[in-house]
């Protein structure tokens, strides 16, 4: 399952949604528009949650993610930042993402990264009797 967080509608978010819809069926994607919903989901058992794709719009969202850093450490995290400035990129690296893209340039690379990540996910198999 992929969790996609984007609080605000934008052209880059629509492009990311298009990429996701080409890669995964709807039932394997959880869309969140509130950061609290992301935190709530990360506090639940995560055996089926493989990738988190986050589109950051502002410093407030960055601060919320920083508070959730411990919940994100063992996740395959892909961040889409609003701009490529030194402070924002330095902050993003503290979260340990597998990939960083920028809303104004490079979203095509997110598709390639998701292909690679999805190719490395072992299919979930139900165990008889459980």
Protein backbone atom coordinates (compact mmCIF):
# COMPACT_ATOMS: atom_id res chain seq x y z
CA UNK A 1 0.00 0.00 0.00
CA UNK A 2 1.06 3.55 -0.71
CA UNK A 3 0.07 6.48 1.50
CA UNK A 4 -0.09 9.80 -0.36
CA UNK A 5 -0.29 13.02 1.62
CA UNK A 6 -1.06 16.36 -0.01
CA UNK A 7 -3.02 18.97 1.91
CA UNK A 8 -3.41 21.43 -0.95
CA UNK A 9 -4.54 20.94 -4.55
CA UNK A 10 -2.02 22.06 -7.12
CA UNK A 11 -0.81 21.13 -10.56
CA UNK A 12 2.05 19.11 -9.07
CA UNK A 13 -0.36 17.19 -6.79
CA UNK A 14 -2.58 16.38 -9.76
CA UNK A 15 0.47 15.12 -11.65
CA UNK A 16 1.46 12.93 -8.69
CA UNK A 17 -2.08 11.54 -8.47
CA UNK A 18 -1.89 10.68 -12.17
CA UNK A 19 1.42 8.87 -11.65
CA UNK A 20 0.00 6.94 -8.69
CA UNK A 21 -3.16 5.93 -10.56
CA UNK A 22 -1.02 4.44 -13.36
CA UNK A 23 1.03 2.40 -10.90
CA UNK A 24 -1.42 1.11 -8.32
CA UNK A 25 -5.08 0.16 -8.08
CA UNK A 26 -7.24 2.48 -5.97
CA UNK A 27 -7.59 -0.03 -3.13
CA UNK A 28 -3.80 0.01 -2.61
CA UNK A 29 -3.57 3.78 -2.12
CA UNK A 30 -4.54 5.79 0.94
CA UNK A 31 -5.02 9.50 0.18
CA UNK A 32 -4.65 11.90 3.10
CA UNK A 33 -5.28 15.63 3.12
CA UNK A 34 -4.67 16.11 6.85
CA UNK A 35 -1.29 15.51 8.46
CA UNK A 36 -3.10 14.18 11.54
CA UNK A 37 -4.52 11.38 9.41
CA UNK A 38 -1.01 10.43 8.32
CA UNK A 39 0.18 10.30 11.91
CA UNK A 40 -2.84 8.24 12.96
CA UNK A 41 -2.18 5.73 10.15
CA UNK A 42 1.51 5.46 11.04
CA UNK A 43 0.64 4.64 14.64
CA UNK A 44 -1.34 1.58 13.51
CA UNK A 45 0.31 -1.71 12.52
CA UNK A 46 1.98 -1.17 9.17
CA UNK A 47 2.54 -4.59 7.67
CA UNK A 48 0.74 -3.52 4.48
CA UNK A 49 2.09 0.04 4.27
CA UNK A 50 5.14 0.08 2.00
CA UNK A 51 5.64 3.60 0.65
CA UNK A 52 4.80 7.11 1.82
CA UNK A 53 4.68 9.91 -0.75
CA UNK A 54 4.44 13.37 0.79
CA UNK A 55 3.91 16.65 -1.03
CA UNK A 56 5.01 19.47 1.27
CA UNK A 57 3.66 22.97 0.73
CA UNK A 58 4.91 25.03 3.66
CA UNK A 59 6.91 25.25 6.87
CA UNK A 60 3.94 24.23 9.01
CA UNK A 61 3.73 20.86 7.26
CA UNK A 62 7.50 20.49 7.59
CA UNK A 63 7.24 21.05 11.34
CA UNK A 64 4.50 18.42 11.67
CA UNK A 65 6.56 15.88 9.76
CA UNK A 66 9.57 16.63 11.93
CA UNK A 67 7.51 15.74 14.99
CA UNK A 68 6.63 12.41 13.33
CA UNK A 69 10.24 11.63 12.40
CA UNK A 70 10.40 8.51 14.60
CA UNK A 71 7.33 7.09 12.85
CA UNK A 72 8.90 7.61 9.42
CA UNK A 73 12.35 6.16 10.05
CA UNK A 74 11.78 2.66 8.69
CA UNK A 75 9.47 3.70 5.85
CA UNK A 76 10.17 4.17 2.15
CA UNK A 77 9.62 7.91 2.13
CA UNK A 78 9.45 10.03 -1.02
CA UNK A 79 9.27 13.79 -0.45
CA UNK A 80 8.12 16.40 -2.92
CA UNK A 81 9.35 19.79 -1.75
CA UNK A 82 7.94 23.14 -2.87
CA UNK A 83 11.33 24.58 -3.82
CA UNK A 84 15.00 23.78 -4.00
CA UNK A 85 16.57 25.94 -1.34
CA UNK A 86 19.33 24.97 1.04
CA UNK A 87 17.30 25.17 4.27
CA UNK A 88 14.38 23.13 2.93
CA UNK A 89 16.64 20.43 1.50
CA UNK A 90 18.67 20.23 4.73
CA UNK A 91 15.46 19.79 6.71
CA UNK A 92 14.22 17.10 4.35
CA UNK A 93 17.36 15.02 4.73
CA UNK A 94 16.75 14.80 8.49
CA UNK A 95 13.70 12.64 7.72
CA UNK A 96 15.79 10.10 5.82
CA UNK A 97 13.81 10.01 2.57
CA UNK A 98 14.64 7.52 -0.15
CA UNK A 99 14.08 10.25 -2.74
CA UNK A 100 13.50 14.01 -2.87
CA UNK A 101 11.76 15.72 -5.79
CA UNK A 102 10.67 19.30 -6.32
CA UNK A 103 7.18 20.50 -7.23
CA UNK A 104 8.55 22.89 -9.83
CA UNK A 105 10.88 20.40 -11.52
CA UNK A 106 11.53 16.66 -11.59
CA UNK A 107 8.19 15.03 -10.89
CA UNK A 108 8.84 12.63 -13.78
CA UNK A 109 11.58 11.11 -11.64
CA UNK A 110 9.01 10.23 -8.97
CA UNK A 111 7.42 7.83 -11.45
CA UNK A 112 10.73 6.04 -12.01
CA UNK A 113 11.41 5.86 -8.27
CA UNK A 114 7.94 4.42 -7.58
CA UNK A 115 8.49 1.84 -10.34
CA UNK A 116 11.71 0.77 -8.65
CA UNK A 117 10.20 0.70 -5.16
CA UNK A 118 7.10 -1.19 -6.27
CA UNK A 119 9.28 -3.70 -8.09
CA UNK A 120 11.12 -4.43 -4.84
CA UNK A 121 7.99 -5.07 -2.77
CA UNK A 122 7.32 -8.67 -1.99
CA UNK A 123 3.72 -9.63 -2.78
CA UNK A 124 1.62 -10.06 0.33
CA UNK A 125 0.49 -13.63 0.78
CA UNK A 126 -2.11 -14.66 3.28
CA UNK A 127 -1.02 -17.49 5.55
CA UNK A 128 -3.57 -20.26 5.95
CA UNK A 129 -5.07 -20.41 9.41
CA UNK A 130 -4.34 -16.76 10.27
